[in-house]
C-alpha cells in the first residue's frame, strides 16, 4: 500500500520530466531527444564559455550573419520589427561592465542586440539601402570579431562593441520614423 501511494505521488513529477525533456529538444519530437539526435537547425545563442562558438552546419538566417549570437525566435516567427529590436538595444544603456561579474553578460547582450537589429534592418520593407550606414557599421564589428564570441575576445573588442552601439543609436535618433 505504501508503494502505491509513493507511485501516485511520483507520477506527476515523472510526467512533467518527460514533457520537459521532449520540449527541450527544440523540435517538438520526443523520439529525437530520446535517440540523442540533435536537430540540424540548432545553433548557439551566445557564448557562455570561453571557447569560440562555431555552428556545425550553416544556419538559414535572414542576414549573412549566420552563426552570430542572435536571439532565437519561435520557428516560423517573423523577424522583429526595427523599432522593437532598437528598443531592446537601447535598454543596454542602463547596464555595463562596472558591476563585478556582469561584464560577460553585458558584452554578449550588446553583441546579440546589435545582431538582432541587423537582421531586423535587413528584413525591413524599407530595404537595406535605407539602413546602409548602420548595417555597414554592424557588419564591420562582426567581421572584426571573426566569429570568436569568447568573453576574452568581446572584452578585447569592448570599445568597438560600444562604439558600434553608439553609432547605430545616433543614426536611429536621426531617423525617428524608424523607431516610433
C-alpha atoms as a PDB file:
ATOM      1  CA  UNK A   1       0.000   0.000   0.000  1.00  0.00           C
ATOM      2  CA  UNK A   2       2.871   2.343   0.823  1.00  0.00           C
ATOM      3  CA  UNK A   3       4.497   1.820  -2.592  1.00  0.00           C
ATOM      4  CA  UNK A   4       1.213   2.510  -4.408  1.00  0.00           C
ATOM      5  CA  UNK A   5       0.927   5.878  -2.634  1.00  0.00           C
ATOM      6  CA  UNK A   6       4.519   6.707  -3.492  1.00  0.00           C
ATOM      7  CA  UNK A   7       3.918   5.760  -7.127  1.00  0.00           C
ATOM      8  CA  UNK A   8       0.858   8.025  -7.321  1.00  0.00           C
ATOM      9  CA  UNK A   9       2.843  10.919  -5.877  1.00  0.00           C
ATOM     10  CA  UNK A  10       5.745  10.370  -8.275  1.00  0.00           C
ATOM     11  CA  UNK A  11       3.590  10.058 -11.414  1.00  0.00           C
ATOM     12  CA  UNK A  12       3.031  13.818 -11.944  1.00  0.00           C
ATOM     13  CA  UNK A  13       6.727  14.510 -11.444  1.00  0.00           C
ATOM     14  CA  UNK A  14       7.727  11.825 -13.944  1.00  0.00           C
ATOM     15  CA  UNK A  15       5.146  13.085 -16.442  1.00  0.00           C
ATOM     16  CA  UNK A  16       6.467  16.628 -16.100  1.00  0.00           C
ATOM     17  CA  UNK A  17      10.038  15.411 -16.580  1.00  0.00           C
ATOM     18  CA  UNK A  18       9.106  13.534 -19.764  1.00  0.00           C
ATOM     19  CA  UNK A  19       7.226  16.549 -21.143  1.00  0.00           C
ATOM     20  CA  UNK A  20      10.059  18.937 -20.325  1.00  0.00           C
ATOM     21  CA  UNK A  21      12.580  16.616 -21.953  1.00  0.00           C
ATOM     22  CA  UNK A  22      10.587  16.455 -25.174  1.00  0.00           C
ATOM     23  CA  UNK A  23      10.024  20.224 -25.137  1.00  0.00           C
ATOM     24  CA  UNK A  24      13.703  20.955 -24.608  1.00  0.00           C
ATOM     25  CA  UNK A  25      14.723  19.015 -27.697  1.00  0.00           C
ATOM     26  CA  UNK A  26      13.797  22.105 -29.702  1.00  0.00           C
ATOM     27  CA  UNK A  27      11.960  20.252 -32.409  1.00  0.00           C
ATOM     28  CA  UNK A  28       8.942  19.015 -30.508  1.00  0.00           C
ATOM     29  CA  UNK A  29       9.772  15.389 -31.282  1.00  0.00           C
ATOM     30  CA  UNK A  30      10.244  13.333 -28.121  1.00  0.00           C
ATOM     31  CA  UNK A  31      11.759  10.491 -30.115  1.00  0.00           C
ATOM     32  CA  UNK A  32      14.540  12.723 -31.442  1.00  0.00           C
ATOM     33  CA  UNK A  33      15.628  13.691 -27.941  1.00  0.00           C
ATOM     34  CA  UNK A  34      15.340  10.123 -26.711  1.00  0.00           C
ATOM     35  CA  UNK A  35      17.509   8.830 -29.532  1.00  0.00           C
ATOM     36  CA  UNK A  36      20.137  11.521 -28.905  1.00  0.00           C
ATOM     37  CA  UNK A  37      19.822  13.031 -32.371  1.00  0.00           C
ATOM     38  CA  UNK A  38      20.131  16.793 -32.471  1.00  0.00           C
ATOM     39  CA  UNK A  39      18.145  18.954 -34.782  1.00  0.00           C
ATOM     40  CA  UNK A  40      20.185  20.190 -37.743  1.00  0.00           C
ATOM     41  CA  UNK A  41      18.711  23.653 -37.299  1.00  0.00           C
ATOM     42  CA  UNK A  42      20.171  24.102 -33.820  1.00  0.00           C
ATOM     43  CA  UNK A  43      22.658  26.903 -33.397  1.00  0.00           C
ATOM     44  CA  UNK A  44      24.325  28.626 -30.475  1.00  0.00           C
ATOM     45  CA  UNK A  45      22.579  31.587 -28.915  1.00  0.00           C
ATOM     46  CA  UNK A  46      25.601  33.054 -27.199  1.00  0.00           C
ATOM     47  CA  UNK A  47      28.988  32.227 -25.859  1.00  0.00           C
ATOM     48  CA  UNK A  48      28.675  31.047 -22.302  1.00  0.00           C
ATOM     49  CA  UNK A  49      32.147  29.558 -22.260  1.00  0.00           C
ATOM     50  CA  UNK A  50      35.474  30.925 -23.345  1.00  0.00           C
ATOM     51  CA  UNK A  51      35.597  28.646 -26.400  1.00  0.00           C
ATOM     52  CA  UNK A  52      34.621  30.194 -29.737  1.00  0.00           C
ATOM     53  CA  UNK A  53      31.147  29.305 -30.920  1.00  0.00           C
ATOM     54  CA  UNK A  54      31.090  27.683 -34.325  1.00  0.00           C
ATOM     55  CA  UNK A  55      27.939  26.147 -35.751  1.00  0.00           C
ATOM     56  CA  UNK A  56      28.233  22.586 -37.032  1.00  0.00           C
ATOM     57  CA  UNK A  57      26.341  23.427 -40.202  1.00  0.00           C
ATOM     58  CA  UNK A  58      25.303  26.648 -41.906  1.00  0.00           C
ATOM     59  CA  UNK A  59      22.099  28.042 -40.474  1.00  0.00           C
ATOM     60  CA  UNK A  60      19.477  29.822 -42.525  1.00  0.00           C
ATOM     61  CA  UNK A  61      19.266  33.428 -41.440  1.00  0.00           C
ATOM     62  CA  UNK A  62      17.587  36.477 -42.885  1.00  0.00           C
ATOM     63  CA  UNK A  63      21.041  38.040 -42.963  1.00  0.00           C
ATOM     64  CA  UNK A  64      24.511  36.889 -43.827  1.00  0.00           C
ATOM     65  CA  UNK A  65      25.291  36.728 -40.107  1.00  0.00           C
ATOM     66  CA  UNK A  66      24.518  33.031 -39.624  1.00  0.00           C
ATOM     67  CA  UNK A  67      26.392  31.854 -36.599  1.00  0.00           C
ATOM     68  CA  UNK A  68      26.244  35.152 -34.749  1.00  0.00           C
ATOM     69  CA  UNK A  69      24.515  35.013 -31.393  1.00  0.00           C
ATOM     70  CA  UNK A  70      21.091  36.208 -32.415  1.00  0.00           C
ATOM     71  CA  UNK A  71      18.108  35.781 -30.161  1.00  0.00           C
ATOM     72  CA  UNK A  72      16.286  32.579 -31.011  1.00  0.00           C
ATOM     73  CA  UNK A  73      12.743  33.120 -32.239  1.00  0.00           C
ATOM     74  CA  UNK A  74       9.965  30.591 -32.395  1.00  0.00           C
ATOM     75  CA  UNK A  75      10.044  28.532 -35.596  1.00  0.00           C
ATOM     76  CA  UNK A  76       8.271  30.432 -38.344  1.00  0.00           C
ATOM     77  CA  UNK A  77       8.105  33.637 -36.297  1.00  0.00           C
ATOM     78  CA  UNK A  78       8.828  36.811 -38.235  1.00  0.00           C
ATOM     79  CA  UNK A  79      11.977  38.824 -37.563  1.00  0.00           C
ATOM     80  CA  UNK A  80      11.360  41.589 -35.018  1.00  0.00           C
ATOM     81  CA  UNK A  81      10.498  44.999 -36.392  1.00  0.00           C
ATOM     82  CA  UNK A  82      13.329  47.540 -36.401  1.00  0.00           C
ATOM     83  CA  UNK A  83      11.707  49.672 -33.700  1.00  0.00           C
ATOM     84  CA  UNK A  84      11.375  46.663 -31.374  1.00  0.00           C
ATOM     85  CA  UNK A  85      14.957  45.478 -31.916  1.00  0.00           C
ATOM     86  CA  UNK A  86      16.199  49.040 -31.409  1.00  0.00           C
ATOM     87  CA  UNK A  87      14.266  49.381 -28.137  1.00  0.00           C
ATOM     88  CA  UNK A  88      15.961  46.236 -26.825  1.00  0.00           C
ATOM     89  CA  UNK A  89      19.367  47.629 -27.821  1.00  0.00           C
ATOM     90  CA  UNK A  90      18.624  50.935 -26.092  1.00  0.00           C
ATOM     91  CA  UNK A  91      17.959  49.055 -22.859  1.00  0.00           C
ATOM     92  CA  UNK A  92      21.684  48.197 -22.729  1.00  0.00           C
ATOM     93  CA  UNK A  93      22.432  51.832 -21.905  1.00  0.00           C
ATOM     94  CA  UNK A  94      21.373  51.197 -18.300  1.00  0.00           C
ATOM     95  CA  UNK A  95      23.930  48.399 -17.913  1.00  0.00           C
ATOM     96  CA  UNK A  96      27.673  47.998 -18.282  1.00  0.00           C
ATOM     97  CA  UNK A  97      30.898  46.339 -17.222  1.00  0.00           C
ATOM     98  CA  UNK A  98      31.091  48.309 -13.989  1.00  0.00           C
ATOM     99  CA  UNK A  99      29.204  45.732 -11.904  1.00  0.00           C
ATOM    100  CA  UNK A 100      31.511  42.865 -10.861  1.00  0.00           C
ATOM    101  CA  UNK A 101      30.656  39.649 -12.691  1.00  0.00           C
ATOM    102  CA  UNK A 102      28.319  41.420 -15.128  1.00  0.00           C
ATOM    103  CA  UNK A 103      30.718  42.288 -17.940  1.00  0.00           C
ATOM    104  CA  UNK A 104      30.463  38.989 -19.833  1.00  0.00           C
ATOM    105  CA  UNK A 105      26.661  39.092 -19.761  1.00  0.00           C
ATOM    106  CA  UNK A 106      26.624  42.749 -20.805  1.00  0.00           C
ATOM    107  CA  UNK A 107      29.006  42.373 -23.762  1.00  0.00           C
ATOM    108  CA  UNK A 108      27.147  39.296 -25.022  1.00  0.00           C
ATOM    109  CA  UNK A 109      23.903  41.226 -24.684  1.00  0.00           C
ATOM    110  CA  UNK A 110      25.168  44.189 -26.721  1.00  0.00           C
ATOM    111  CA  UNK A 111      26.500  41.849 -29.415  1.00  0.00           C
ATOM    112  CA  UNK A 112      23.266  39.868 -29.570  1.00  0.00           C
ATOM    113  CA  UNK A 113      21.114  43.009 -29.645  1.00  0.00           C
ATOM    114  CA  UNK A 114      23.185  44.542 -32.450  1.00  0.00           C
ATOM    115  CA  UNK A 115      22.905  41.323 -34.442  1.00  0.00           C
ATOM    116  CA  UNK A 116      19.148  41.182 -33.897  1.00  0.00           C
ATOM    117  CA  UNK A 117      18.869  44.793 -35.070  1.00  0.00           C
ATOM    118  CA  UNK A 118      20.972  43.919 -38.133  1.00  0.00           C
ATOM    119  CA  UNK A 119      18.559  41.103 -39.018  1.00  0.00           C
ATOM    120  CA  UNK A 120      15.565  43.410 -38.467  1.00  0.00           C
ATOM    121  CA  UNK A 121      17.022  46.085 -40.730  1.00  0.00           C
ATOM    122  CA  UNK A 122      17.742  43.567 -43.469  1.00  0.00           C
ATOM    123  CA  UNK A 123      14.185  42.223 -43.252  1.00  0.00           C
ATOM    124  CA  UNK A 124      12.602  45.684 -43.155  1.00  0.00           C
ATOM    125  CA  UNK A 125      10.338  46.664 -46.039  1.00  0.00           C
ATOM    126  CA  UNK A 126      12.304  49.942 -46.248  1.00  0.00           C
ATOM    127  CA  UNK A 127      15.174  47.924 -47.699  1.00  0.00           C
ATOM    128  CA  UNK A 128      18.858  47.640 -46.913  1.00  0.00           C
ATOM    129  CA  UNK A 129      19.630  50.856 -48.790  1.00  0.00           C
ATOM    130  CA  UNK A 130      17.724  52.856 -46.181  1.00  0.00           C
ATOM    131  CA  UNK A 131      19.757  51.264 -43.374  1.00  0.00           C
ATOM    132  CA  UNK A 132      23.094  51.206 -45.247  1.00  0.00           C
ATOM    133  CA  UNK A 133      25.032  53.107 -42.552  1.00  0.00           C
ATOM    134  CA  UNK A 134      24.020  51.038 -39.511  1.00  0.00           C
ATOM    135  CA  UNK A 135      24.239  47.784 -41.465  1.00  0.00           C
ATOM    136  CA  UNK A 136      27.792  48.596 -42.572  1.00  0.00           C
ATOM    137  CA  UNK A 137      28.831  49.518 -39.032  1.00  0.00           C
ATOM    138  CA  UNK A 138      27.375  46.340 -37.503  1.00  0.00           C
ATOM    139  CA  UNK A 139      28.896  44.190 -40.280  1.00  0.00           C
ATOM    140  CA  UNK A 140      32.342  45.768 -39.692  1.00  0.00           C
ATOM    141  CA  UNK A 141      32.035  44.987 -35.979  1.00  0.00           C
ATOM    142  CA  UNK A 142      31.004  41.394 -36.731  1.00  0.00           C
ATOM    143  CA  UNK A 143      33.918  40.991 -39.143  1.00  0.00           C
ATOM    144  CA  UNK A 144      36.366  42.309 -36.530  1.00  0.00           C
ATOM    145  CA  UNK A 145      35.158  39.674 -34.047  1.00  0.00           C
ATOM    146  CA  UNK A 146      35.970  36.952 -36.613  1.00  0.00           C
ATOM    147  CA  UNK A 147      33.334  34.604 -35.180  1.00  0.00           C
ATOM    148  CA  UNK A 148      35.005  34.477 -31.753  1.00  0.00           C
ATOM    149  CA  UNK A 149      32.356  35.193 -29.115  1.00  0.00           C
ATOM    150  CA  UNK A 150      34.518  34.293 -26.146  1.00  0.00           C
ATOM    151  CA  UNK A 151      34.467  36.735 -23.275  1.00  0.00           C
ATOM    152  CA  UNK A 152      38.163  37.421 -23.797  1.00  0.00           C
ATOM    153  CA  UNK A 153      37.571  38.460 -27.417  1.00  0.00           C
ATOM    154  CA  UNK A 154      34.484  40.506 -26.569  1.00  0.00           C
ATOM    155  CA  UNK A 155      36.405  42.234 -23.771  1.00  0.00           C
ATOM    156  CA  UNK A 156      39.275  42.930 -26.186  1.00  0.00           C
ATOM    157  CA  UNK A 157      36.723  44.473 -28.601  1.00  0.00           C
ATOM    158  CA  UNK A 158      34.627  46.190 -25.930  1.00  0.00           C
ATOM    159  CA  UNK A 159      35.289  49.673 -27.306  1.00  0.00           C
ATOM    160  CA  UNK A 160      34.320  48.520 -30.808  1.00  0.00           C
ATOM    161  CA  UNK A 161      31.075  46.971 -29.495  1.00  0.00           C
ATOM    162  CA  UNK A 162      30.092  50.078 -27.555  1.00  0.00           C
ATOM    163  CA  UNK A 163      31.151  52.466 -30.334  1.00  0.00           C
ATOM    164  CA  UNK A 164      29.051  50.424 -32.788  1.00  0.00           C
ATOM    165  CA  UNK A 165      26.070  50.627 -30.447  1.00  0.00           C
ATOM    166  CA  UNK A 166      26.616  54.392 -30.120  1.00  0.00           C
ATOM    167  CA  UNK A 167      26.866  54.982 -33.891  1.00  0.00           C
ATOM    168  CA  UNK A 168      23.749  52.932 -34.566  1.00  0.00           C
ATOM    169  CA  UNK A 169      21.918  54.790 -31.791  1.00  0.00           C
ATOM    170  CA  UNK A 170      22.978  58.158 -33.221  1.00  0.00           C
ATOM    171  CA  UNK A 171      21.821  57.141 -36.699  1.00  0.00           C
ATOM    172  CA  UNK A 172      18.488  55.898 -35.362  1.00  0.00           C
ATOM    173  CA  UNK A 173      17.933  59.109 -33.372  1.00  0.00           C
ATOM    174  CA  UNK A 174      18.222  60.968 -36.672  1.00  0.00           C
ATOM    175  CA  UNK A 175      15.535  58.722 -38.171  1.00  0.00           C
ATOM    176  CA  UNK A 176      12.683  58.759 -35.621  1.00  0.00           C
ATOM    177  CA  UNK A 177      10.225  57.337 -38.156  1.00  0.00           C
ATOM    178  CA  UNK A 178      12.169  54.072 -37.915  1.00  0.00           C
ATOM    179  CA  UNK A 179      11.611  53.593 -34.187  1.00  0.00           C
ATOM    180  CA  UNK A 180       8.268  55.221 -33.467  1.00  0.00           C
END
